Amino acid sequence: LEPGMTTAELDQLGRALLEREGARSAPELSYGFPGATCISVGP
């Protein structure tokens, strides 16, 4: 995480790490969430 990156870029990293281990995103699999991970920028 660093200034200048987008939350989509951070999510892409998460997706790649999960897929490398044979894991599937649970919110995507269970609820059709539009992302591999949930990333919330305050507030």
PDB file of all heavy atoms in Angstrom:
ATOM      1  N   LEU A   1       0.836  -1.202   0.000  1.00  0.00           N
ATOM      2  CA  LEU A   1       0.000   0.000   0.000  1.00  0.00           C
ATOM      3  C   LEU A   1       0.873   1.255   0.000  1.00  0.00           C
ATOM      4  O   LEU A   1       1.725   1.438   0.867  1.00  0.00           O
ATOM      5  CB  LEU A   1      -0.877  -0.039   1.245  1.00  0.00           C
ATOM      6  CG  LEU A   1      -2.043   0.934   1.374  1.00  0.00           C
ATOM      7  CD1 LEU A   1      -3.009   0.770   0.212  1.00  0.00           C
ATOM      8  CD2 LEU A   1      -2.743   0.694   2.703  1.00  0.00           C
ATOM      9  N   GLU A   2       0.651   2.143  -0.977  1.00  0.00           N
ATOM     10  CA  GLU A   2       1.420   3.382  -1.038  1.00  0.00           C
ATOM     11  C   GLU A   2       0.649   4.435  -1.825  1.00  0.00           C
ATOM     12  O   GLU A   2      -0.187   4.104  -2.673  1.00  0.00           O
ATOM     13  CB  GLU A   2       2.791   3.149  -1.669  1.00  0.00           C
ATOM     14  CG  GLU A   2       2.755   2.692  -3.113  1.00  0.00           C
ATOM     15  CD  GLU A   2       4.139   2.482  -3.683  1.00  0.00           C
ATOM     16  OE1 GLU A   2       5.110   2.558  -2.913  1.00  0.00           O
ATOM     17  OE2 GLU A   2       4.256   2.258  -4.891  1.00  0.00           O
ATOM     18  N   PRO A   3       0.912   5.704  -1.536  1.00  0.00           N
ATOM     19  CA  PRO A   3       0.236   6.777  -2.262  1.00  0.00           C
ATOM     20  C   PRO A   3       0.487   6.669  -3.764  1.00  0.00           C
ATOM     21  O   PRO A   3       1.582   6.322  -4.214  1.00  0.00           O
ATOM     22  CB  PRO A   3       0.864   8.047  -1.678  1.00  0.00           C
ATOM     23  CG  PRO A   3       1.340   7.649  -0.323  1.00  0.00           C
ATOM     24  CD  PRO A   3       1.796   6.228  -0.476  1.00  0.00           C
ATOM     25  N   GLY A   4      -0.555   6.972  -4.533  1.00  0.00           N
ATOM     26  CA  GLY A   4      -0.438   6.972  -5.985  1.00  0.00           C
ATOM     27  C   GLY A   4      -1.011   5.741  -6.652  1.00  0.00           C
ATOM     28  O   GLY A   4      -1.356   5.785  -7.836  1.00  0.00           O
ATOM     29  N   MET A   5      -1.103   4.628  -5.922  1.00  0.00           N
ATOM     30  CA  MET A   5      -1.682   3.433  -6.513  1.00  0.00           C
ATOM     31  C   MET A   5      -3.200   3.505  -6.382  1.00  0.00           C
ATOM     32  O   MET A   5      -3.731   4.221  -5.536  1.00  0.00           O
ATOM     33  CB  MET A   5      -1.144   2.165  -5.841  1.00  0.00           C
ATOM     34  CG  MET A   5      -1.668   1.907  -4.441  1.00  0.00           C
ATOM     35  SD  MET A   5      -0.860   0.499  -3.604  1.00  0.00           S
ATOM     36  CE  MET A   5      -0.896  -0.781  -4.844  1.00  0.00           C
ATOM     37  N   THR A   6      -3.893   2.777  -7.238  1.00  0.00           N
ATOM     38  CA  THR A   6      -5.344   2.712  -7.131  1.00  0.00           C
ATOM     39  C   THR A   6      -5.743   1.477  -6.328  1.00  0.00           C
ATOM     40  O   THR A   6      -4.973   0.524  -6.200  1.00  0.00           O
ATOM     41  CB  THR A   6      -6.008   2.643  -8.508  1.00  0.00           C
ATOM     42  OG1 THR A   6      -5.666   1.399  -9.149  1.00  0.00           O
ATOM     43  CG2 THR A   6      -5.571   3.815  -9.388  1.00  0.00           C
ATOM     44  N   THR A   7      -6.964   1.504  -5.818  1.00  0.00           N
ATOM     45  CA  THR A   7      -7.434   0.331  -5.084  1.00  0.00           C
ATOM     46  C   THR A   7      -7.612  -0.855  -6.026  1.00  0.00           C
ATOM     47  O   THR A   7      -7.499  -2.008  -5.599  1.00  0.00           O
ATOM     48  CB  THR A   7      -8.744   0.640  -4.345  1.00  0.00           C
ATOM     49  OG1 THR A   7      -9.728   1.119  -5.262  1.00  0.00           O
ATOM     50  CG2 THR A   7      -8.510   1.682  -3.259  1.00  0.00           C
ATOM     51  N   ALA A   8      -7.861  -0.607  -7.304  1.00  0.00           N
ATOM     52  CA  ALA A   8      -7.932  -1.705  -8.269  1.00  0.00           C
ATOM     53  C   ALA A   8      -6.574  -2.389  -8.422  1.00  0.00           C
ATOM     54  O   ALA A   8      -6.493  -3.626  -8.515  1.00  0.00           O
ATOM     55  CB  ALA A   8      -8.418  -1.199  -9.624  1.00  0.00           C
ATOM     56  N   GLU A   9      -5.511  -1.604  -8.442  1.00  0.00           N
ATOM     57  CA  GLU A   9      -4.163  -2.183  -8.548  1.00  0.00           C
ATOM     58  C   GLU A   9      -3.847  -3.016  -7.311  1.00  0.00           C
ATOM     59  O   GLU A   9      -3.248  -4.096  -7.414  1.00  0.00           O
ATOM     60  CB  GLU A   9      -3.136  -1.067  -8.725  1.00  0.00           C
ATOM     61  CG  GLU A   9      -3.214  -0.388 -10.075  1.00  0.00           C
ATOM     62  CD  GLU A   9      -2.348   0.862 -10.157  1.00  0.00           C
ATOM     63  OE1 GLU A   9      -2.070   1.478  -9.102  1.00  0.00           O
ATOM     64  OE2 GLU A   9      -1.948   1.230 -11.277  1.00  0.00           O
ATOM     65  N   LEU A  10      -4.264  -2.533  -6.143  1.00  0.00           N
ATOM     66  CA  LEU A  10      -4.040  -3.288  -4.915  1.00  0.00           C
ATOM     67  C   LEU A  10      -4.845  -4.592  -4.942  1.00  0.00           C
ATOM     68  O   LEU A  10      -4.348  -5.644  -4.536  1.00  0.00           O
ATOM     69  CB  LEU A  10      -4.443  -2.434  -3.715  1.00  0.00           C
ATOM     70  CG  LEU A  10      -4.137  -3.001  -2.330  1.00  0.00           C
ATOM     71  CD1 LEU A  10      -2.641  -3.203  -2.128  1.00  0.00           C
ATOM     72  CD2 LEU A  10      -4.701  -2.080  -1.246  1.00  0.00           C
ATOM     73  N   ASP A  11      -6.061  -4.525  -5.440  1.00  0.00           N
ATOM     74  CA  ASP A  11      -6.898  -5.718  -5.546  1.00  0.00           C
ATOM     75  C   ASP A  11      -6.305  -6.726  -6.527  1.00  0.00           C
ATOM     76  O   ASP A  11      -6.363  -7.949  -6.296  1.00  0.00           O
ATOM     77  CB  ASP A  11      -8.299  -5.319  -5.987  1.00  0.00           C
ATOM     78  CG  ASP A  11      -9.258  -6.493  -6.031  1.00  0.00           C
ATOM     79  OD1 ASP A  11      -9.506  -7.104  -4.978  1.00  0.00           O
ATOM     80  OD2 ASP A  11      -9.760  -6.811  -7.130  1.00  0.00           O
ATOM     81  N   GLN A  12      -5.729  -6.243  -7.610  1.00  0.00           N
ATOM     82  CA  GLN A  12      -5.100  -7.137  -8.588  1.00  0.00           C
ATOM     83  C   GLN A  12      -3.954  -7.916  -7.952  1.00  0.00           C
ATOM     84  O   GLN A  12      -3.753  -9.101  -8.248  1.00  0.00           O
ATOM     85  CB  GLN A  12      -4.607  -6.337  -9.791  1.00  0.00           C
ATOM     86  CG  GLN A  12      -5.733  -5.814 -10.678  1.00  0.00           C
ATOM     87  CD  GLN A  12      -5.272  -4.743 -11.650  1.00  0.00           C
ATOM     88  OE1 GLN A  12      -4.067  -4.450 -11.761  1.00  0.00           O
ATOM     89  NE2 GLN A  12      -6.209  -4.126 -12.354  1.00  0.00           N
ATOM     90  N   LEU A  13      -3.206  -7.264  -7.072  1.00  0.00           N
ATOM     91  CA  LEU A  13      -2.152  -7.960  -6.338  1.00  0.00           C
ATOM     92  C   LEU A  13      -2.764  -9.055  -5.478  1.00  0.00           C
ATOM     93  O   LEU A  13      -2.275 -10.197  -5.462  1.00  0.00           O
ATOM     94  CB  LEU A  13      -1.382  -6.967  -5.464  1.00  0.00           C
ATOM     95  CG  LEU A  13      -0.412  -7.581  -4.452  1.00  0.00           C
ATOM     96  CD1 LEU A  13       0.702  -8.347  -5.171  1.00  0.00           C
ATOM     97  CD2 LEU A  13       0.167  -6.516  -3.532  1.00  0.00           C
ATOM     98  N   GLY A  14      -3.827  -8.721  -4.756  1.00  0.00           N
ATOM     99  CA  GLY A  14      -4.480  -9.716  -3.927  1.00  0.00           C
ATOM    100  C   GLY A  14      -4.987 -10.889  -4.733  1.00  0.00           C
ATOM    101  O   GLY A  14      -4.812 -12.061  -4.342  1.00  0.00           O
ATOM    102  N   ARG A  15      -5.608 -10.616  -5.859  1.00  0.00           N
ATOM    103  CA  ARG A  15      -6.113 -11.697  -6.714  1.00  0.00           C
ATOM    104  C   ARG A  15      -4.984 -12.611  -7.181  1.00  0.00           C
ATOM    105  O   ARG A  15      -5.109 -13.845  -7.145  1.00  0.00           O
ATOM    106  CB  ARG A  15      -6.845 -11.112  -7.923  1.00  0.00           C
ATOM    107  CG  ARG A  15      -7.424 -12.189  -8.842  1.00  0.00           C
ATOM    108  CD  ARG A  15      -8.073 -11.579 -10.068  1.00  0.00           C
ATOM    109  NE  ARG A  15      -9.191 -10.712  -9.744  1.00  0.00           N
ATOM    110  CZ  ARG A  15     -10.410 -11.159  -9.464  1.00  0.00           C
ATOM    111  NH1 ARG A  15     -10.658 -12.467  -9.439  1.00  0.00           N
ATOM    112  NH2 ARG A  15     -11.377 -10.307  -9.209  1.00  0.00           N
ATOM    113  N   ALA A  16      -3.884 -12.006  -7.621  1.00  0.00           N
ATOM    114  CA  ALA A  16      -2.760 -12.807  -8.108  1.00  0.00           C
ATOM    115  C   ALA A  16      -2.200 -13.712  -7.014  1.00  0.00           C
ATOM    116  O   ALA A  16      -1.873 -14.885  -7.268  1.00  0.00           O
ATOM    117  CB  ALA A  16      -1.665 -11.883  -8.650  1.00  0.00           C
ATOM    118  N   LEU A  17      -2.106 -13.196  -5.794  1.00  0.00           N
ATOM    119  CA  LEU A  17      -1.575 -13.993  -4.687  1.00  0.00           C
ATOM    120  C   LEU A  17      -2.520 -15.135  -4.331  1.00  0.00           C
ATOM    121  O   LEU A  17      -2.076 -16.258  -4.046  1.00  0.00           O
ATOM    122  CB  LEU A  17      -1.346 -13.097  -3.473  1.00  0.00           C
ATOM    123  CG  LEU A  17      -0.230 -12.055  -3.628  1.00  0.00           C
ATOM    124  CD1 LEU A  17      -0.249 -11.079  -2.460  1.00  0.00           C
ATOM    125  CD2 LEU A  17       1.126 -12.736  -3.735  1.00  0.00           C
ATOM    126  N   LEU A  18      -3.822 -14.871  -4.338  1.00  0.00           N
ATOM    127  CA  LEU A  18      -4.792 -15.933  -4.051  1.00  0.00           C
ATOM    128  C   LEU A  18      -4.751 -17.006  -5.130  1.00  0.00           C
ATOM    129  O   LEU A  18      -4.707 -18.217  -4.831  1.00  0.00           O
ATOM    130  CB  LEU A  18      -6.203 -15.346  -3.945  1.00  0.00           C
ATOM    131  CG  LEU A  18      -6.487 -14.427  -2.754  1.00  0.00           C
ATOM    132  CD1 LEU A  18      -7.881 -13.824  -2.871  1.00  0.00           C
ATOM    133  CD2 LEU A  18      -6.343 -15.174  -1.432  1.00  0.00           C
ATOM    134  N   GLU A  19      -4.766 -16.586  -6.386  1.00  0.00           N
ATOM    135  CA  GLU A  19      -4.795 -17.550  -7.481  1.00  0.00           C
ATOM    136  C   GLU A  19      -3.522 -18.383  -7.535  1.00  0.00           C
ATOM    137  O   GLU A  19      -3.567 -19.573  -7.892  1.00  0.00           O
ATOM    138  CB  GLU A  19      -5.025 -16.826  -8.804  1.00  0.00           C
ATOM    139  CG  GLU A  19      -6.433 -16.244  -8.919  1.00  0.00           C
ATOM    140  CD  GLU A  19      -6.669 -15.503 -10.221  1.00  0.00           C
ATOM    141  OE1 GLU A  19      -5.687 -15.260 -10.961  1.00  0.00           O
ATOM    142  OE2 GLU A  19      -7.850 -15.160 -10.498  1.00  0.00           O
ATOM    143  N   ARG A  20      -2.416 -17.789  -7.163  1.00  0.00           N
ATOM    144  CA  ARG A  20      -1.151 -18.531  -7.135  1.00  0.00           C
ATOM    145  C   ARG A  20      -1.221 -19.711  -6.186  1.00  0.00           C
ATOM    146  O   ARG A  20      -0.575 -20.747  -6.403  1.00  0.00           O
ATOM    147  CB  ARG A  20      -0.019 -17.588  -6.709  1.00  0.00           C
ATOM    148  CG  ARG A  20       1.370 -18.228  -6.791  1.00  0.00           C
ATOM    149  CD  ARG A  20       2.433 -17.258  -6.329  1.00  0.00           C
ATOM    150  NE  ARG A  20       2.349 -17.016  -4.881  1.00  0.00           N
ATOM    151  CZ  ARG A  20       3.093 -16.120  -4.233  1.00  0.00           C
ATOM    152  NH1 ARG A  20       3.943 -15.356  -4.918  1.00  0.00           N
ATOM    153  NH2 ARG A  20       2.971 -15.971  -2.931  1.00  0.00           N
ATOM    154  N   GLU A  21      -2.025 -19.596  -5.125  1.00  0.00           N
ATOM    155  CA  GLU A  21      -2.161 -20.662  -4.130  1.00  0.00           C
ATOM    156  C   GLU A  21      -3.382 -21.537  -4.366  1.00  0.00           C
ATOM    157  O   GLU A  21      -3.724 -22.373  -3.526  1.00  0.00           O
ATOM    158  CB  GLU A  21      -2.241 -20.043  -2.729  1.00  0.00           C
ATOM    159  CG  GLU A  21      -1.031 -19.221  -2.343  1.00  0.00           C
ATOM    160  CD  GLU A  21       0.248 -20.033  -2.278  1.00  0.00           C
ATOM    161  OE1 GLU A  21       0.153 -21.251  -1.996  1.00  0.00           O
ATOM    162  OE2 GLU A  21       1.331 -19.464  -2.506  1.00  0.00           O
ATOM    163  N   GLY A  22      -4.046 -21.339  -5.504  1.00  0.00           N
ATOM    164  CA  GLY A  22      -5.220 -22.145  -5.800  1.00  0.00           C
ATOM    165  C   GLY A  22      -6.457 -21.748  -5.036  1.00  0.00           C
ATOM    166  O   GLY A  22      -7.403 -22.538  -4.898  1.00  0.00           O
ATOM    167  N   ALA A  23      -6.493 -20.510  -4.539  1.00  0.00           N
ATOM    168  CA  ALA A  23      -7.624 -20.021  -3.760  1.00  0.00           C
ATOM    169  C   ALA A  23      -8.551 -19.191  -4.642  1.00  0.00           C
ATOM    170  O   ALA A  23      -8.118 -18.536  -5.594  1.00  0.00           O
ATOM    171  CB  ALA A  23      -7.135 -19.177  -2.586  1.00  0.00           C
ATOM    172  N   ARG A  24      -9.840 -19.214  -4.287  1.00  0.00           N
ATOM    173  CA  ARG A  24     -10.831 -18.396  -4.975  1.00  0.00           C
ATOM    174  C   ARG A  24     -11.370 -17.335  -4.016  1.00  0.00           C
ATOM    175  O   ARG A  24     -11.608 -17.622  -2.835  1.00  0.00           O
ATOM    176  CB  ARG A  24     -11.982 -19.267  -5.481  1.00  0.00           C
ATOM    177  CG  ARG A  24     -11.570 -20.282  -6.530  1.00  0.00           C
ATOM    178  CD  ARG A  24     -12.791 -20.972  -7.139  1.00  0.00           C
ATOM    179  NE  ARG A  24     -13.475 -21.835  -6.173  1.00  0.00           N
ATOM    180  CZ  ARG A  24     -14.619 -22.474  -6.428  1.00  0.00           C
ATOM    181  NH1 ARG A  24     -15.208 -22.323  -7.608  1.00  0.00           N
ATOM    182  NH2 ARG A  24     -15.161 -23.248  -5.512  1.00  0.00           N
ATOM    183  N   SER A  25     -11.559 -16.138  -4.530  1.00  0.00           N
ATOM    184  CA  SER A  25     -12.097 -15.052  -3.724  1.00  0.00           C
ATOM    185  C   SER A  25     -13.467 -15.439  -3.182  1.00  0.00           C
ATOM    186  O   SER A  25     -14.383 -15.752  -3.948  1.00  0.00           O
ATOM    187  CB  SER A  25     -12.210 -13.782  -4.569  1.00  0.00           C
ATOM    188  OG  SER A  25     -13.104 -12.856  -3.978  1.00  0.00           O
ATOM    189  N   ALA A  26     -13.622 -15.389  -1.859  1.00  0.00           N
ATOM    190  CA  ALA A  26     -14.892 -15.791  -1.252  1.00  0.00           C
ATOM    191  C   ALA A  26     -16.036 -14.819  -1.536  1.00  0.00           C
ATOM    192  O   ALA A  26     -17.148 -15.263  -1.841  1.00  0.00           O
ATOM    193  CB  ALA A  26     -14.712 -15.983   0.248  1.00  0.00           C
ATOM    194  N   PRO A  27     -15.840 -13.500  -1.432  1.00  0.00           N
ATOM    195  CA  PRO A  27     -16.970 -12.612  -1.736  1.00  0.00           C
ATOM    196  C   PRO A  27     -17.408 -12.685  -3.196  1.00  0.00           C
ATOM    197  O   PRO A  27     -18.582 -12.572  -3.507  1.00  0.00           O
ATOM    198  CB  PRO A  27     -16.444 -11.221  -1.371  1.00  0.00           C
ATOM    199  CG  PRO A  27     -14.966 -11.353  -1.313  1.00  0.00           C
ATOM    200  CD  PRO A  27     -14.673 -12.761  -0.923  1.00  0.00           C
ATOM    201  N   GLU A  28     -16.452 -12.894  -4.080  1.00  0.00           N
ATOM    202  CA  GLU A  28     -16.766 -13.047  -5.492  1.00  0.00           C
ATOM    203  C   GLU A  28     -17.529 -14.351  -5.720  1.00  0.00           C
ATOM    204  O   GLU A  28     -18.558 -14.390  -6.404  1.00  0.00           O
ATOM    205  CB  GLU A  28     -15.452 -13.056  -6.286  1.00  0.00           C
ATOM    206  CG  GLU A  28     -15.545 -12.582  -7.710  1.00  0.00           C
ATOM    207  CD  GLU A  28     -14.169 -12.401  -8.322  1.00  0.00           C
ATOM    208  OE1 GLU A  28     -13.341 -13.338  -8.232  1.00  0.00           O
ATOM    209  OE2 GLU A  28     -13.916 -11.334  -8.891  1.00  0.00           O
ATOM    210  N   LEU A  29     -17.042 -15.425  -5.113  1.00  0.00           N
ATOM    211  CA  LEU A  29     -17.642 -16.749  -5.266  1.00  0.00           C
ATOM    212  C   LEU A  29     -19.025 -16.823  -4.623  1.00  0.00           C
ATOM    213  O   LEU A  29     -19.962 -17.382  -5.205  1.00  0.00           O
ATOM    214  CB  LEU A  29     -16.719 -17.793  -4.629  1.00  0.00           C
ATOM    215  CG  LEU A  29     -17.189 -19.240  -4.584  1.00  0.00           C
ATOM    216  CD1 LEU A  29     -17.281 -19.815  -5.997  1.00  0.00           C
ATOM    217  CD2 LEU A  29     -16.226 -20.085  -3.742  1.00  0.00           C
ATOM    218  N   SER A  30     -19.154 -16.258  -3.436  1.00  0.00           N
ATOM    219  CA  SER A  30     -20.383 -16.417  -2.656  1.00  0.00           C
ATOM    220  C   SER A  30     -21.466 -15.404  -2.993  1.00  0.00           C
ATOM    221  O   SER A  30     -22.657 -15.718  -2.941  1.00  0.00           O
ATOM    222  CB  SER A  30     -20.065 -16.320  -1.158  1.00  0.00           C
ATOM    223  OG  SER A  30     -19.119 -17.300  -0.768  1.00  0.00           O
ATOM    224  N   TYR A  31     -21.065 -14.165  -3.315  1.00  0.00           N
ATOM    225  CA  TYR A  31     -22.043 -13.099  -3.456  1.00  0.00           C
ATOM    226  C   TYR A  31     -21.932 -12.300  -4.757  1.00  0.00           C
ATOM    227  O   TYR A  31     -22.654 -11.329  -4.934  1.00  0.00           O
ATOM    228  CB  TYR A  31     -21.918 -12.126  -2.274  1.00  0.00           C
ATOM    229  CG  TYR A  31     -22.124 -12.796  -0.942  1.00  0.00           C
ATOM    230  CD1 TYR A  31     -21.069 -12.932  -0.036  1.00  0.00           C
ATOM    231  CD2 TYR A  31     -23.370 -13.313  -0.584  1.00  0.00           C
ATOM    232  CE1 TYR A  31     -21.253 -13.564   1.186  1.00  0.00           C
ATOM    233  CE2 TYR A  31     -23.556 -13.945   0.632  1.00  0.00           C
ATOM    234  CZ  TYR A  31     -22.505 -14.069   1.509  1.00  0.00           C
ATOM    235  OH  TYR A  31     -22.694 -14.696   2.721  1.00  0.00           O
ATOM    236  N   GLY A  32     -21.012 -12.705  -5.638  1.00  0.00           N
ATOM    237  CA  GLY A  32     -20.834 -11.949  -6.863  1.00  0.00           C
ATOM    238  C   GLY A  32     -20.252 -10.567  -6.642  1.00  0.00           C
ATOM    239  O   GLY A  32     -20.490  -9.639  -7.424  1.00  0.00           O
ATOM    240  N   PHE A  33     -19.460 -10.408  -5.576  1.00  0.00           N
ATOM    241  CA  PHE A  33     -18.835  -9.119  -5.282  1.00  0.00           C
ATOM    242  C   PHE A  33     -17.911  -8.713  -6.433  1.00  0.00           C
ATOM    243  O   PHE A  33     -17.161  -9.547  -6.960  1.00  0.00           O
ATOM    244  CB  PHE A  33     -18.039  -9.221  -3.981  1.00  0.00           C
ATOM    245  CG  PHE A  33     -17.364  -7.944  -3.578  1.00  0.00           C
ATOM    246  CD1 PHE A  33     -18.084  -6.895  -3.035  1.00  0.00           C
ATOM    247  CD2 PHE A  33     -15.992  -7.782  -3.741  1.00  0.00           C
ATOM    248  CE1 PHE A  33     -17.469  -5.715  -2.664  1.00  0.00           C
ATOM    249  CE2 PHE A  33     -15.358  -6.604  -3.380  1.00  0.00           C
ATOM    250  CZ  PHE A  33     -16.101  -5.561  -2.839  1.00  0.00           C
ATOM    251  N   PRO A  34     -17.915  -7.443  -6.836  1.00  0.00           N
ATOM    252  CA  PRO A  34     -17.107  -6.992  -7.974  1.00  0.00           C
ATOM    253  C   PRO A  34     -15.655  -6.697  -7.612  1.00  0.00           C
ATOM    254  O   PRO A  34     -15.160  -5.578  -7.752  1.00  0.00           O
ATOM    255  CB  PRO A  34     -17.839  -5.734  -8.428  1.00  0.00           C
ATOM    256  CG  PRO A  34     -18.489  -5.201  -7.194  1.00  0.00           C
ATOM    257  CD  PRO A  34     -18.863  -6.406  -6.382  1.00  0.00           C
ATOM    258  N   GLY A  35     -14.954  -7.698  -7.142  1.00  0.00           N
ATOM    259  CA  GLY A  35     -13.547  -7.569  -6.785  1.00  0.00           C
ATOM    260  C   GLY A  35     -13.100  -8.825  -6.080  1.00  0.00           C
ATOM    261  O   GLY A  35     -13.929  -9.605  -5.576  1.00  0.00           O
ATOM    262  N   ALA A  36     -11.797  -9.038  -6.030  1.00  0.00           N
ATOM    263  CA  ALA A  36     -11.270 -10.210  -5.326  1.00  0.00           C
ATOM    264  C   ALA A  36     -11.232  -9.974  -3.824  1.00  0.00           C
ATOM    265  O   ALA A  36     -11.381 -10.904  -3.031  1.00  0.00           O
ATOM    266  CB  ALA A  36      -9.873 -10.555  -5.841  1.00  0.00           C
ATOM    267  N   THR A  37     -11.017  -8.739  -3.422  1.00  0.00           N
ATOM    268  CA  THR A  37     -10.950  -8.360  -2.009  1.00  0.00           C
ATOM    269  C   THR A  37     -11.797  -7.116  -1.794  1.00  0.00           C
ATOM    270  O   THR A  37     -12.127  -6.402  -2.746  1.00  0.00           O
ATOM    271  CB  THR A  37      -9.498  -8.066  -1.574  1.00  0.00           C
ATOM    272  OG1 THR A  37      -9.014  -6.915  -2.289  1.00  0.00           O
ATOM    273  CG2 THR A  37      -8.587  -9.256  -1.858  1.00  0.00           C
ATOM    274  N   CYS A  38     -12.147  -6.854  -0.548  1.00  0.00           N
ATOM    275  CA  CYS A  38     -12.861  -5.621  -0.205  1.00  0.00           C
ATOM    276  C   CYS A  38     -11.837  -4.587   0.263  1.00  0.00           C
ATOM    277  O   CYS A  38     -11.065  -4.857   1.184  1.00  0.00           O
ATOM    278  CB  CYS A  38     -13.875  -5.880   0.899  1.00  0.00           C
ATOM    279  SG  CYS A  38     -15.156  -7.100   0.488  1.00  0.00           S
ATOM    280  N   ILE A  39     -11.839  -3.424  -0.359  1.00  0.00           N
ATOM    281  CA  ILE A  39     -10.894  -2.364  -0.005  1.00  0.00           C
ATOM    282  C   ILE A  39     -11.690  -1.085   0.220  1.00  0.00           C
ATOM    283  O   ILE A  39     -12.299  -0.545  -0.703  1.00  0.00           O
ATOM    284  CB  ILE A  39      -9.834  -2.155  -1.101  1.00  0.00           C
ATOM    285  CG1 ILE A  39      -9.097  -3.464  -1.388  1.00  0.00           C
ATOM    286  CG2 ILE A  39      -8.856  -1.059  -0.687  1.00  0.00           C
ATOM    287  CD1 ILE A  39      -8.133  -3.385  -2.560  1.00  0.00           C
ATOM    288  N   SER A  40     -11.695  -0.603   1.456  1.00  0.00           N
ATOM    289  CA  SER A  40     -12.508   0.549   1.838  1.00  0.00           C
ATOM    290  C   SER A  40     -11.602   1.695   2.256  1.00  0.00           C
ATOM    291  O   SER A  40     -10.823   1.561   3.194  1.00  0.00           O
ATOM    292  CB  SER A  40     -13.445   0.176   2.993  1.00  0.00           C
ATOM    293  OG  SER A  40     -14.201  -0.985   2.670  1.00  0.00           O
ATOM    294  N   VAL A  41     -11.714   2.817   1.569  1.00  0.00           N
ATOM    295  CA  VAL A  41     -10.908   3.997   1.870  1.00  0.00           C
ATOM    296  C   VAL A  41     -11.747   4.939   2.718  1.00  0.00           C
ATOM    297  O   VAL A  41     -12.840   5.352   2.322  1.00  0.00           O
ATOM    298  CB  VAL A  41     -10.445   4.695   0.582  1.00  0.00           C
ATOM    299  CG1 VAL A  41      -9.607   5.931   0.923  1.00  0.00           C
ATOM    300  CG2 VAL A  41      -9.661   3.731  -0.302  1.00  0.00           C
ATOM    301  N   GLY A  42     -11.246   5.276   3.921  1.00  0.00           N
ATOM    302  CA  GLY A  42     -11.992   6.086   4.852  1.00  0.00           C
ATOM    303  C   GLY A  42     -12.539   7.366   4.237  1.00  0.00           C
ATOM    304  O   GLY A  42     -11.866   7.969   3.391  1.00  0.00           O
ATOM    305  N   PRO A  43     -13.770   7.728   4.632  1.00  0.00           N
ATOM    306  CA  PRO A  43     -14.522   7.229   5.783  1.00  0.00           C
ATOM    307  C   PRO A  43     -15.253   5.908   5.575  1.00  0.00           C
ATOM    308  O   PRO A  43     -15.888   5.423   6.504  1.00  0.00           O
ATOM    309  CB  PRO A  43     -15.518   8.356   6.064  1.00  0.00           C
ATOM    310  CG  PRO A  43     -15.789   8.953   4.715  1.00  0.00           C
ATOM    311  CD  PRO A  43     -14.461   8.898   4.010  1.00  0.00           C
TER     312      PRO A  43
END
